[in-house]
């Protein structure tokens, strides 16, 4: 059974269907075998996805939708993770500040 999402630091990849992927409108990126899906805002470290097959769509919110074969994701400060082939949607991690009137903000790495 495949996980519903993969978490690697502040990168969350949610499993989506082929149909959901095909409906998404974004700038198509092909021909990559190694791709930095997110750079740490504070450290400059990168979450790198490496796969033999990869197609990405850069979405208007600057996140990605992915169609990949079996892959790995690496980062200087995190353990390497295997990513089963399939379709994914990157969703930025958010946090709620309970001391600032429950303000929601993007997590900064």
PDB file of N, CA and C in Angstrom:
ATOM      1  N   UNK A   1       0.847  -1.195   0.000  1.00  0.00           N
ATOM      2  CA  UNK A   1       0.000   0.000   0.000  1.00  0.00           C
ATOM      3  C   UNK A   1       0.882   1.244   0.000  1.00  0.00           C
ATOM      4  N   UNK A   2       0.573   2.181  -0.872  1.00  0.00           N
ATOM      5  CA  UNK A   2       1.352   3.407  -0.993  1.00  0.00           C
ATOM      6  C   UNK A   2       0.904   4.426   0.056  1.00  0.00           C
ATOM      7  N   UNK A   3       1.861   5.176   0.610  1.00  0.00           N
ATOM      8  CA  UNK A   3       1.543   6.234   1.567  1.00  0.00           C
ATOM      9  C   UNK A   3       0.707   7.309   0.882  1.00  0.00           C
ATOM     10  N   UNK A   4      -0.059   8.043   1.676  1.00  0.00           N
ATOM     11  CA  UNK A   4      -0.847   9.151   1.147  1.00  0.00           C
ATOM     12  C   UNK A   4       0.024  10.377   0.879  1.00  0.00           C
ATOM     13  N   UNK A   5       1.129  10.517   1.641  1.00  0.00           N
ATOM     14  CA  UNK A   5       2.065  11.602   1.371  1.00  0.00           C
ATOM     15  C   UNK A   5       3.450  11.209   1.862  1.00  0.00           C
ATOM     16  N   UNK A   6       4.443  11.914   1.345  1.00  0.00           N
ATOM     17  CA  UNK A   6       5.835  11.727   1.738  1.00  0.00           C
ATOM     18  C   UNK A   6       6.309  13.054   2.290  1.00  0.00           C
ATOM     19  N   UNK A   7       6.911  13.007   3.469  1.00  0.00           N
ATOM     20  CA  UNK A   7       7.419  14.227   4.099  1.00  0.00           C
ATOM     21  C   UNK A   7       8.936  14.140   4.170  1.00  0.00           C
ATOM     22  N   UNK A   8       9.607  15.180   3.709  1.00  0.00           N
ATOM     23  CA  UNK A   8      11.057  15.265   3.745  1.00  0.00           C
ATOM     24  C   UNK A   8      11.402  16.672   4.207  1.00  0.00           C
ATOM     25  N   UNK A   9      11.616  16.829   5.526  1.00  0.00           N
ATOM     26  CA  UNK A   9      11.807  18.167   6.079  1.00  0.00           C
ATOM     27  C   UNK A   9      10.528  18.955   5.907  1.00  0.00           C
ATOM     28  N   UNK A  10      10.615  20.131   5.263  1.00  0.00           N
ATOM     29  CA  UNK A  10       9.410  20.933   5.044  1.00  0.00           C
ATOM     30  C   UNK A  10       8.800  20.724   3.658  1.00  0.00           C
ATOM     31  N   UNK A  11       9.215  19.661   2.964  1.00  0.00           N
ATOM     32  CA  UNK A  11       8.635  19.309   1.666  1.00  0.00           C
ATOM     33  C   UNK A  11       7.631  18.183   1.878  1.00  0.00           C
ATOM     34  N   UNK A  12       6.395  18.422   1.462  1.00  0.00           N
ATOM     35  CA  UNK A  12       5.349  17.411   1.521  1.00  0.00           C
ATOM     36  C   UNK A  12       4.901  17.102   0.103  1.00  0.00           C
ATOM     37  N   UNK A  13       4.965  15.815  -0.259  1.00  0.00           N
ATOM     38  CA  UNK A  13       4.501  15.359  -1.568  1.00  0.00           C
ATOM     39  C   UNK A  13       3.286  14.477  -1.356  1.00  0.00           C
ATOM     40  N   UNK A  14       2.122  14.931  -1.809  1.00  0.00           N
ATOM     41  CA  UNK A  14       0.877  14.198  -1.647  1.00  0.00           C
ATOM     42  C   UNK A  14       0.586  13.399  -2.907  1.00  0.00           C
ATOM     43  N   UNK A  15       0.199  12.140  -2.730  1.00  0.00           N
ATOM     44  CA  UNK A  15      -0.159  11.280  -3.847  1.00  0.00           C
ATOM     45  C   UNK A  15      -1.444  11.801  -4.477  1.00  0.00           C
ATOM     46  N   UNK A  16      -1.423  11.936  -5.805  1.00  0.00           N
ATOM     47  CA  UNK A  16      -2.620  12.316  -6.555  1.00  0.00           C
ATOM     48  C   UNK A  16      -2.799  11.310  -7.686  1.00  0.00           C
ATOM     49  N   UNK A  17      -3.959  11.333  -8.307  1.00  0.00           N
ATOM     50  CA  UNK A  17      -4.223  10.413  -9.418  1.00  0.00           C
ATOM     51  C   UNK A  17      -3.667  10.991 -10.727  1.00  0.00           C
ATOM     52  N   UNK A  18      -3.567  10.133 -11.708  1.00  0.00           N
ATOM     53  CA  UNK A  18      -3.141  10.556 -13.039  1.00  0.00           C
ATOM     54  C   UNK A  18      -4.092  11.624 -13.581  1.00  0.00           C
ATOM     55  N   UNK A  19      -5.381  11.431 -13.352  1.00  0.00           N
ATOM     56  CA  UNK A  19      -6.386  12.383 -13.827  1.00  0.00           C
ATOM     57  C   UNK A  19      -6.214  13.751 -13.153  1.00  0.00           C
ATOM     58  N   UNK A  20      -5.953  13.747 -11.846  1.00  0.00           N
ATOM     59  CA  UNK A  20      -5.730  15.016 -11.138  1.00  0.00           C
ATOM     60  C   UNK A  20      -4.496  15.717 -11.696  1.00  0.00           C
ATOM     61  N   UNK A  21      -3.428  14.959 -11.940  1.00  0.00           N
ATOM     62  CA  UNK A  21      -2.193  15.523 -12.483  1.00  0.00           C
ATOM     63  C   UNK A  21      -2.456  16.155 -13.853  1.00  0.00           C
ATOM     64  N   UNK A  22      -3.157  15.439 -14.704  1.00  0.00           N
ATOM     65  CA  UNK A  22      -3.396  15.925 -16.068  1.00  0.00           C
ATOM     66  C   UNK A  22      -4.262  17.178 -16.093  1.00  0.00           C
ATOM     67  N   UNK A  23      -5.128  17.372 -15.106  1.00  0.00           N
ATOM     68  CA  UNK A  23      -5.978  18.563 -15.035  1.00  0.00           C
ATOM     69  C   UNK A  23      -5.216  19.803 -14.572  1.00  0.00           C
ATOM     70  N   UNK A  24      -4.108  19.607 -13.865  1.00  0.00           N
ATOM     71  CA  UNK A  24      -3.367  20.743 -13.316  1.00  0.00           C
ATOM     72  C   UNK A  24      -2.703  21.544 -14.439  1.00  0.00           C
ATOM     73  N   UNK A  25      -2.843  22.843 -14.369  1.00  0.00           N
ATOM     74  CA  UNK A  25      -2.256  23.745 -15.358  1.00  0.00           C
ATOM     75  C   UNK A  25      -1.013  24.390 -14.765  1.00  0.00           C
ATOM     76  N   UNK A  26       0.122  24.148 -15.367  1.00  0.00           N
ATOM     77  CA  UNK A  26       1.370  24.735 -14.912  1.00  0.00           C
ATOM     78  C   UNK A  26       2.399  24.682 -16.017  1.00  0.00           C
ATOM     79  N   UNK A  27       3.517  25.336 -15.784  1.00  0.00           N
ATOM     80  CA  UNK A  27       4.602  25.338 -16.768  1.00  0.00           C
ATOM     81  C   UNK A  27       5.259  23.965 -16.767  1.00  0.00           C
ATOM     82  N   UNK A  28       5.241  23.282 -17.900  1.00  0.00           N
ATOM     83  CA  UNK A  28       5.772  21.930 -18.020  1.00  0.00           C
ATOM     84  C   UNK A  28       7.295  21.947 -18.074  1.00  0.00           C
ATOM     85  N   UNK A  29       7.911  21.089 -17.257  1.00  0.00           N
ATOM     86  CA  UNK A  29       9.372  20.942 -17.221  1.00  0.00           C
ATOM     87  C   UNK A  29       9.669  19.475 -17.491  1.00  0.00           C
ATOM     88  N   UNK A  30      10.401  19.202 -18.573  1.00  0.00           N
ATOM     89  CA  UNK A  30      10.750  17.824 -18.936  1.00  0.00           C
ATOM     90  C   UNK A  30      12.260  17.721 -19.140  1.00  0.00           C
ATOM     91  N   UNK A  31      12.730  16.493 -19.279  1.00  0.00           N
ATOM     92  CA  UNK A  31      14.139  16.259 -19.574  1.00  0.00           C
ATOM     93  C   UNK A  31      15.046  16.307 -18.359  1.00  0.00           C
ATOM     94  N   UNK A  32      14.473  16.399 -17.168  1.00  0.00           N
ATOM     95  CA  UNK A  32      15.280  16.443 -15.938  1.00  0.00           C
ATOM     96  C   UNK A  32      15.424  15.035 -15.361  1.00  0.00           C
ATOM     97  N   UNK A  33      16.571  14.741 -14.792  1.00  0.00           N
ATOM     98  CA  UNK A  33      16.764  13.507 -14.031  1.00  0.00           C
ATOM     99  C   UNK A  33      17.120  13.828 -12.588  1.00  0.00           C
ATOM    100  N   UNK A  34      17.471  15.080 -12.360  1.00  0.00           N
ATOM    101  CA  UNK A  34      17.830  15.561 -11.020  1.00  0.00           C
ATOM    102  C   UNK A  34      17.285  16.978 -10.912  1.00  0.00           C
ATOM    103  N   UNK A  35      16.477  17.226  -9.857  1.00  0.00           N
ATOM    104  CA  UNK A  35      15.791  18.508  -9.788  1.00  0.00           C
ATOM    105  C   UNK A  35      15.688  18.973  -8.345  1.00  0.00           C
ATOM    106  N   UNK A  36      16.002  20.250  -8.107  1.00  0.00           N
ATOM    107  CA  UNK A  36      15.847  20.850  -6.781  1.00  0.00           C
ATOM    108  C   UNK A  36      14.407  21.332  -6.649  1.00  0.00           C
ATOM    109  N   UNK A  37      13.634  20.626  -5.835  1.00  0.00           N
ATOM    110  CA  UNK A  37      12.221  20.968  -5.688  1.00  0.00           C
ATOM    111  C   UNK A  37      12.015  22.092  -4.685  1.00  0.00           C
ATOM    112  N   UNK A  38      12.989  22.289  -3.767  1.00  0.00           N
ATOM    113  CA  UNK A  38      12.850  23.367  -2.794  1.00  0.00           C
ATOM    114  C   UNK A  38      14.215  23.702  -2.216  1.00  0.00           C
ATOM    115  N   UNK A  39      14.476  25.000  -2.097  1.00  0.00           N
ATOM    116  CA  UNK A  39      15.717  25.480  -1.483  1.00  0.00           C
ATOM    117  C   UNK A  39      15.384  26.053  -0.114  1.00  0.00           C
ATOM    118  N   UNK A  40      16.229  25.723   0.871  1.00  0.00           N
ATOM    119  CA  UNK A  40      16.040  26.255   2.220  1.00  0.00           C
ATOM    120  C   UNK A  40      16.239  27.753   2.231  1.00  0.00           C
ATOM    121  N   UNK A  41      15.261  28.468   2.761  1.00  0.00           N
ATOM    122  CA  UNK A  41      15.309  29.930   2.778  1.00  0.00           C
ATOM    123  C   UNK A  41      16.434  30.438   3.674  1.00  0.00           C
ATOM    124  N   UNK A  42      16.723  29.737   4.760  1.00  0.00           N
ATOM    125  CA  UNK A  42      17.744  30.181   5.711  1.00  0.00           C
ATOM    126  C   UNK A  42      19.119  29.583   5.399  1.00  0.00           C
ATOM    127  N   UNK A  43      19.151  28.302   5.008  1.00  0.00           N
ATOM    128  CA  UNK A  43      20.433  27.607   4.846  1.00  0.00           C
ATOM    129  C   UNK A  43      20.941  27.555   3.417  1.00  0.00           C
ATOM    130  N   UNK A  44      20.034  27.675   2.452  1.00  0.00           N
ATOM    131  CA  UNK A  44      20.427  27.522   1.051  1.00  0.00           C
ATOM    132  C   UNK A  44      20.571  26.073   0.637  1.00  0.00           C
ATOM    133  N   UNK A  45      20.299  25.127   1.546  1.00  0.00           N
ATOM    134  CA  UNK A  45      20.339  23.706   1.206  1.00  0.00           C
ATOM    135  C   UNK A  45      19.144  23.362   0.326  1.00  0.00           C
ATOM    136  N   UNK A  46      19.286  22.292  -0.455  1.00  0.00           N
ATOM    137  CA  UNK A  46      18.264  21.922  -1.432  1.00  0.00           C
ATOM    138  C   UNK A  46      17.701  20.536  -1.201  1.00  0.00           C
ATOM    139  N   UNK A  47      16.401  20.403  -1.447  1.00  0.00           N
ATOM    140  CA  UNK A  47      15.747  19.097  -1.506  1.00  0.00           C
ATOM    141  C   UNK A  47      15.826  18.682  -2.974  1.00  0.00           C
ATOM    142  N   UNK A  48      16.628  17.654  -3.255  1.00  0.00           N
ATOM    143  CA  UNK A  48      16.890  17.219  -4.632  1.00  0.00           C
ATOM    144  C   UNK A  48      16.171  15.902  -4.898  1.00  0.00           C
ATOM    145  N   UNK A  49      15.381  15.876  -5.967  1.00  0.00           N
ATOM    146  CA  UNK A  49      14.748  14.633  -6.411  1.00  0.00           C
ATOM    147  C   UNK A  49      15.543  14.116  -7.595  1.00  0.00           C
ATOM    148  N   UNK A  50      15.892  12.833  -7.542  1.00  0.00           N
ATOM    149  CA  UNK A  50      16.622  12.178  -8.619  1.00  0.00           C
ATOM    150  C   UNK A  50      15.803  10.982  -9.083  1.00  0.00           C
ATOM    151  N   UNK A  51      15.529  10.915 -10.390  1.00  0.00           N
ATOM    152  CA  UNK A  51      14.731   9.828 -10.956  1.00  0.00           C
ATOM    153  C   UNK A  51      15.128   9.617 -12.408  1.00  0.00           C
ATOM    154  N   UNK A  52      14.940   8.391 -12.905  1.00  0.00           N
ATOM    155  CA  UNK A  52      15.202   8.121 -14.322  1.00  0.00           C
ATOM    156  C   UNK A  52      14.145   8.761 -15.207  1.00  0.00           C
ATOM    157  N   UNK A  53      12.911   8.834 -14.700  1.00  0.00           N
ATOM    158  CA  UNK A  53      11.809   9.448 -15.434  1.00  0.00           C
ATOM    159  C   UNK A  53      11.213  10.537 -14.559  1.00  0.00           C
ATOM    160  N   UNK A  54      11.088  11.741 -15.118  1.00  0.00           N
ATOM    161  CA  UNK A  54      10.530  12.834 -14.331  1.00  0.00           C
ATOM    162  C   UNK A  54       9.905  13.882 -15.257  1.00  0.00           C
ATOM    163  N   UNK A  55       8.708  14.298 -14.887  1.00  0.00           N
ATOM    164  CA  UNK A  55       8.038  15.411 -15.543  1.00  0.00           C
ATOM    165  C   UNK A  55       7.454  16.260 -14.421  1.00  0.00           C
ATOM    166  N   UNK A  56       7.648  17.558 -14.504  1.00  0.00           N
ATOM    167  CA  UNK A  56       7.153  18.458 -13.466  1.00  0.00           C
ATOM    168  C   UNK A  56       6.295  19.543 -14.087  1.00  0.00           C
ATOM    169  N   UNK A  57       5.389  20.053 -13.265  1.00  0.00           N
ATOM    170  CA  UNK A  57       4.606  21.227 -13.646  1.00  0.00           C
ATOM    171  C   UNK A  57       4.813  22.260 -12.551  1.00  0.00           C
ATOM    172  N   UNK A  58       5.349  23.418 -12.929  1.00  0.00           N
ATOM    173  CA  UNK A  58       5.505  24.529 -11.995  1.00  0.00           C
ATOM    174  C   UNK A  58       4.160  25.239 -11.914  1.00  0.00           C
ATOM    175  N   UNK A  59       3.591  25.230 -10.712  1.00  0.00           N
ATOM    176  CA  UNK A  59       2.268  25.787 -10.513  1.00  0.00           C
ATOM    177  C   UNK A  59       2.358  27.295 -10.226  1.00  0.00           C
ATOM    178  N   UNK A  60       1.258  28.029 -10.374  1.00  0.00           N
ATOM    179  CA  UNK A  60       1.274  29.478 -10.119  1.00  0.00           C
ATOM    180  C   UNK A  60       1.734  29.852  -8.705  1.00  0.00           C
ATOM    181  N   UNK A  61       1.527  28.964  -7.726  1.00  0.00           N
ATOM    182  CA  UNK A  61       1.952  29.252  -6.343  1.00  0.00           C
ATOM    183  C   UNK A  61       3.412  28.861  -6.092  1.00  0.00           C
ATOM    184  N   UNK A  62       4.145  28.550  -7.168  1.00  0.00           N
ATOM    185  CA  UNK A  62       5.577  28.202  -7.122  1.00  0.00           C
ATOM    186  C   UNK A  62       5.850  26.854  -6.452  1.00  0.00           C
ATOM    187  N   UNK A  63       4.857  25.976  -6.402  1.00  0.00           N
ATOM    188  CA  UNK A  63       5.055  24.600  -5.991  1.00  0.00           C
ATOM    189  C   UNK A  63       4.987  23.738  -7.251  1.00  0.00           C
ATOM    190  N   UNK A  64       5.141  22.437  -7.088  1.00  0.00           N
ATOM    191  CA  UNK A  64       5.215  21.542  -8.245  1.00  0.00           C
ATOM    192  C   UNK A  64       4.199  20.414  -8.168  1.00  0.00           C
ATOM    193  N   UNK A  65       3.805  19.954  -9.345  1.00  0.00           N
ATOM    194  CA  UNK A  65       3.128  18.680  -9.513  1.00  0.00           C
ATOM    195  C   UNK A  65       4.154  17.795 -10.220  1.00  0.00           C
ATOM    196  N   UNK A  66       4.222  16.515  -9.853  1.00  0.00           N
ATOM    197  CA  UNK A  66       5.254  15.633 -10.381  1.00  0.00           C
ATOM    198  C   UNK A  66       4.667  14.350 -10.941  1.00  0.00           C
ATOM    199  N   UNK A  67       5.255  13.899 -12.022  1.00  0.00           N
ATOM    200  CA  UNK A  67       5.015  12.574 -12.582  1.00  0.00           C
ATOM    201  C   UNK A  67       6.404  11.946 -12.627  1.00  0.00           C
ATOM    202  N   UNK A  68       6.645  10.940 -11.784  1.00  0.00           N
ATOM    203  CA  UNK A  68       7.996  10.389 -11.684  1.00  0.00           C
ATOM    204  C   UNK A  68       7.988   8.867 -11.652  1.00  0.00           C
ATOM    205  N   UNK A  69       9.109   8.297 -12.110  1.00  0.00           N
ATOM    206  CA  UNK A  69       9.373   6.891 -11.879  1.00  0.00           C
ATOM    207  C   UNK A  69       9.948   6.775 -10.476  1.00  0.00           C
ATOM    208  N   UNK A  70      10.332   5.581 -10.060  1.00  0.00           N
ATOM    209  CA  UNK A  70      10.926   5.441  -8.731  1.00  0.00           C
ATOM    210  C   UNK A  70      12.063   6.439  -8.582  1.00  0.00           C
ATOM    211  N   UNK A  71      12.125   7.097  -7.423  1.00  0.00           N
ATOM    212  CA  UNK A  71      13.061   8.201  -7.235  1.00  0.00           C
ATOM    213  C   UNK A  71      13.574   8.221  -5.796  1.00  0.00           C
ATOM    214  N   UNK A  72      14.525   9.112  -5.560  1.00  0.00           N
ATOM    215  CA  UNK A  72      14.992   9.400  -4.208  1.00  0.00           C
ATOM    216  C   UNK A  72      14.951  10.912  -4.017  1.00  0.00           C
ATOM    217  N   UNK A  73      14.840  11.319  -2.754  1.00  0.00           N
ATOM    218  CA  UNK A  73      14.936  12.739  -2.421  1.00  0.00           C
ATOM    219  C   UNK A  73      16.024  12.872  -1.361  1.00  0.00           C
ATOM    220  N   UNK A  74      16.928  13.828  -1.568  1.00  0.00           N
ATOM    221  CA  UNK A  74      18.058  14.037  -0.665  1.00  0.00           C
ATOM    222  C   UNK A  74      18.123  15.498  -0.237  1.00  0.00           C
ATOM    223  N   UNK A  75      18.830  15.722   0.868  1.00  0.00           N
ATOM    224  CA  UNK A  75      19.029  17.059   1.430  1.00  0.00           C
ATOM    225  C   UNK A  75      20.206  16.947   2.387  1.00  0.00           C
ATOM    226  N   UNK A  76      20.960  18.014   2.525  1.00  0.00           N
ATOM    227  CA  UNK A  76      22.147  18.002   3.369  1.00  0.00           C
ATOM    228  C   UNK A  76      21.844  17.684   4.835  1.00  0.00           C
ATOM    229  N   UNK A  77      20.663  18.045   5.319  1.00  0.00           N
ATOM    230  CA  UNK A  77      20.334  17.873   6.738  1.00  0.00           C
ATOM    231  C   UNK A  77      19.301  16.787   7.020  1.00  0.00           C
ATOM    232  N   UNK A  78      18.859  16.053   5.998  1.00  0.00           N
ATOM    233  CA  UNK A  78      17.824  15.033   6.188  1.00  0.00           C
ATOM    234  C   UNK A  78      18.267  13.709   5.603  1.00  0.00           C
ATOM    235  N   UNK A  79      17.684  12.645   6.114  1.00  0.00           N
ATOM    236  CA  UNK A  79      17.929  11.298   5.616  1.00  0.00           C
ATOM    237  C   UNK A  79      17.360  11.167   4.203  1.00  0.00           C
ATOM    238  N   UNK A  80      18.056  10.425   3.344  1.00  0.00           N
ATOM    239  CA  UNK A  80      17.560  10.151   1.998  1.00  0.00           C
ATOM    240  C   UNK A  80      16.294   9.309   2.093  1.00  0.00           C
ATOM    241  N   UNK A  81      15.302   9.635   1.261  1.00  0.00           N
ATOM    242  CA  UNK A  81      14.057   8.869   1.224  1.00  0.00           C
ATOM    243  C   UNK A  81      13.798   8.355  -0.180  1.00  0.00           C
ATOM    244  N   UNK A  82      13.224   7.153  -0.249  1.00  0.00           N
ATOM    245  CA  UNK A  82      12.769   6.599  -1.520  1.00  0.00           C
ATOM    246  C   UNK A  82      11.372   7.125  -1.807  1.00  0.00           C
ATOM    247  N   UNK A  83      11.110   7.429  -3.078  1.00  0.00           N
ATOM    248  CA  UNK A  83       9.786   7.870  -3.512  1.00  0.00           C
ATOM    249  C   UNK A  83       9.309   6.870  -4.567  1.00  0.00           C
ATOM    250  N   UNK A  84       8.215   6.154  -4.289  1.00  0.00           N
ATOM    251  CA  UNK A  84       7.687   5.238  -5.308  1.00  0.00           C
ATOM    252  C   UNK A  84       7.209   6.015  -6.523  1.00  0.00           C
ATOM    253  N   UNK A  85       7.339   5.435  -7.696  1.00  0.00           N
ATOM    254  CA  UNK A  85       6.865   6.085  -8.907  1.00  0.00           C
ATOM    255  C   UNK A  85       5.389   6.408  -8.822  1.00  0.00           C
ATOM    256  N   UNK A  86       4.996   7.516  -9.431  1.00  0.00           N
ATOM    257  CA  UNK A  86       3.592   7.904  -9.421  1.00  0.00           C
ATOM    258  C   UNK A  86       3.411   9.382  -9.654  1.00  0.00           C
ATOM    259  N   UNK A  87       2.283   9.883  -9.211  1.00  0.00           N
ATOM    260  CA  UNK A  87       1.906  11.285  -9.382  1.00  0.00           C
ATOM    261  C   UNK A  87       1.810  11.936  -8.014  1.00  0.00           C
ATOM    262  N   UNK A  88       2.374  13.144  -7.892  1.00  0.00           N
ATOM    263  CA  UNK A  88       2.433  13.836  -6.607  1.00  0.00           C
ATOM    264  C   UNK A  88       2.149  15.316  -6.795  1.00  0.00           C
ATOM    265  N   UNK A  89       1.687  15.927  -5.709  1.00  0.00           N
ATOM    266  CA  UNK A  89       1.493  17.378  -5.667  1.00  0.00           C
ATOM    267  C   UNK A  89       2.224  17.895  -4.443  1.00  0.00           C
ATOM    268  N   UNK A  90       3.142  18.823  -4.654  1.00  0.00           N
ATOM    269  CA  UNK A  90       3.871  19.437  -3.547  1.00  0.00           C
ATOM    270  C   UNK A  90       2.968  20.461  -2.884  1.00  0.00           C
ATOM    271  N   UNK A  91       2.870  20.394  -1.574  1.00  0.00           N
ATOM    272  CA  UNK A  91       2.120  21.380  -0.812  1.00  0.00           C
ATOM    273  C   UNK A  91       3.027  21.878   0.298  1.00  0.00           C
ATOM    274  N   UNK A  92       3.267  23.190   0.329  1.00  0.00           N
ATOM    275  CA  UNK A  92       4.156  23.763   1.338  1.00  0.00           C
ATOM    276  C   UNK A  92       3.597  23.530   2.730  1.00  0.00           C
ATOM    277  N   UNK A  93       4.501  23.237   3.654  1.00  0.00           N
ATOM    278  CA  UNK A  93       4.109  23.035   5.039  1.00  0.00           C
ATOM    279  C   UNK A  93       3.774  24.377   5.671  1.00  0.00           C
ATOM    280  N   UNK A  94       2.735  24.374   6.484  1.00  0.00           N
ATOM    281  CA  UNK A  94       2.283  25.579   7.182  1.00  0.00           C
ATOM    282  C   UNK A  94       2.334  25.333   8.682  1.00  0.00           C
ATOM    283  N   UNK A  95       2.454  26.409   9.426  1.00  0.00           N
ATOM    284  CA  UNK A  95       2.388  26.314  10.884  1.00  0.00           C
ATOM    285  C   UNK A  95       1.464  27.400  11.394  1.00  0.00           C
ATOM    286  N   UNK A  96       0.864  27.140  12.532  1.00  0.00           N
ATOM    287  CA  UNK A  96      -0.038  28.101  13.161  1.00  0.00           C
ATOM    288  C   UNK A  96       0.658  28.654  14.400  1.00  0.00           C
ATOM    289  N   UNK A  97       0.716  29.976  14.504  1.00  0.00           N
ATOM    290  CA  UNK A  97       1.288  30.631  15.678  1.00  0.00           C
ATOM    291  C   UNK A  97       0.159  30.921  16.657  1.00  0.00           C
ATOM    292  N   UNK A  98       0.042  30.090  17.691  1.00  0.00           N
ATOM    293  CA  UNK A  98      -1.036  30.223  18.672  1.00  0.00           C
ATOM    294  C   UNK A  98      -0.898  31.470  19.540  1.00  0.00           C
ATOM    295  N   UNK A  99       0.276  32.087  19.533  1.00  0.00           N
ATOM    296  CA  UNK A  99       0.506  33.266  20.355  1.00  0.00           C
ATOM    297  C   UNK A  99       0.342  34.562  19.579  1.00  0.00           C
ATOM    298  N   UNK A 100       0.070  34.467  18.309  1.00  0.00           N
ATOM    299  CA  UNK A 100      -0.106  35.659  17.469  1.00  0.00           C
ATOM    300  C   UNK A 100      -1.452  35.585  16.761  1.00  0.00           C
ATOM    301  N   UNK A 101      -2.501  35.418  17.537  1.00  0.00           N
ATOM    302  CA  UNK A 101      -3.864  35.360  17.002  1.00  0.00           C
ATOM    303  C   UNK A 101      -4.034  34.284  15.923  1.00  0.00           C
ATOM    304  N   UNK A 102      -3.376  33.147  16.133  1.00  0.00           N
ATOM    305  CA  UNK A 102      -3.510  31.984  15.254  1.00  0.00           C
ATOM    306  C   UNK A 102      -3.150  32.300  13.800  1.00  0.00           C
ATOM    307  N   UNK A 103      -2.118  33.085  13.614  1.00  0.00           N
ATOM    308  CA  UNK A 103      -1.635  33.440  12.286  1.00  0.00           C
ATOM    309  C   UNK A 103      -1.028  32.193  11.636  1.00  0.00           C
ATOM    310  N   UNK A 104      -1.410  31.950  10.384  1.00  0.00           N
ATOM    311  CA  UNK A 104      -0.848  30.838   9.617  1.00  0.00           C
ATOM    312  C   UNK A 104       0.302  31.371   8.770  1.00  0.00           C
ATOM    313  N   UNK A 105       1.429  30.629   8.744  1.00  0.00           N
ATOM    314  CA  UNK A 105       2.547  31.056   7.904  1.00  0.00           C
ATOM    315  C   UNK A 105       3.280  29.845   7.371  1.00  0.00           C
ATOM    316  N   UNK A 106       4.005  30.096   6.276  1.00  0.00           N
ATOM    317  CA  UNK A 106       4.790  29.053   5.628  1.00  0.00           C
ATOM    318  C   UNK A 106       5.991  28.719   6.494  1.00  0.00           C
ATOM    319  N   UNK A 107       6.315  27.431   6.593  1.00  0.00           N
ATOM    320  CA  UNK A 107       7.493  27.011   7.359  1.00  0.00           C
ATOM    321  C   UNK A 107       8.741  27.375   6.569  1.00  0.00           C
ATOM    322  N   UNK A 108       9.727  27.942   7.250  1.00  0.00           N
ATOM    323  CA  UNK A 108      10.990  28.321   6.629  1.00  0.00           C
ATOM    324  C   UNK A 108      12.075  27.379   7.122  1.00  0.00           C
ATOM    325  N   UNK A 109      12.807  26.804   6.166  1.00  0.00           N
ATOM    326  CA  UNK A 109      13.849  25.825   6.439  1.00  0.00           C
ATOM    327  C   UNK A 109      15.193  26.524   6.581  1.00  0.00           C
TER     328      UNK A 109
END
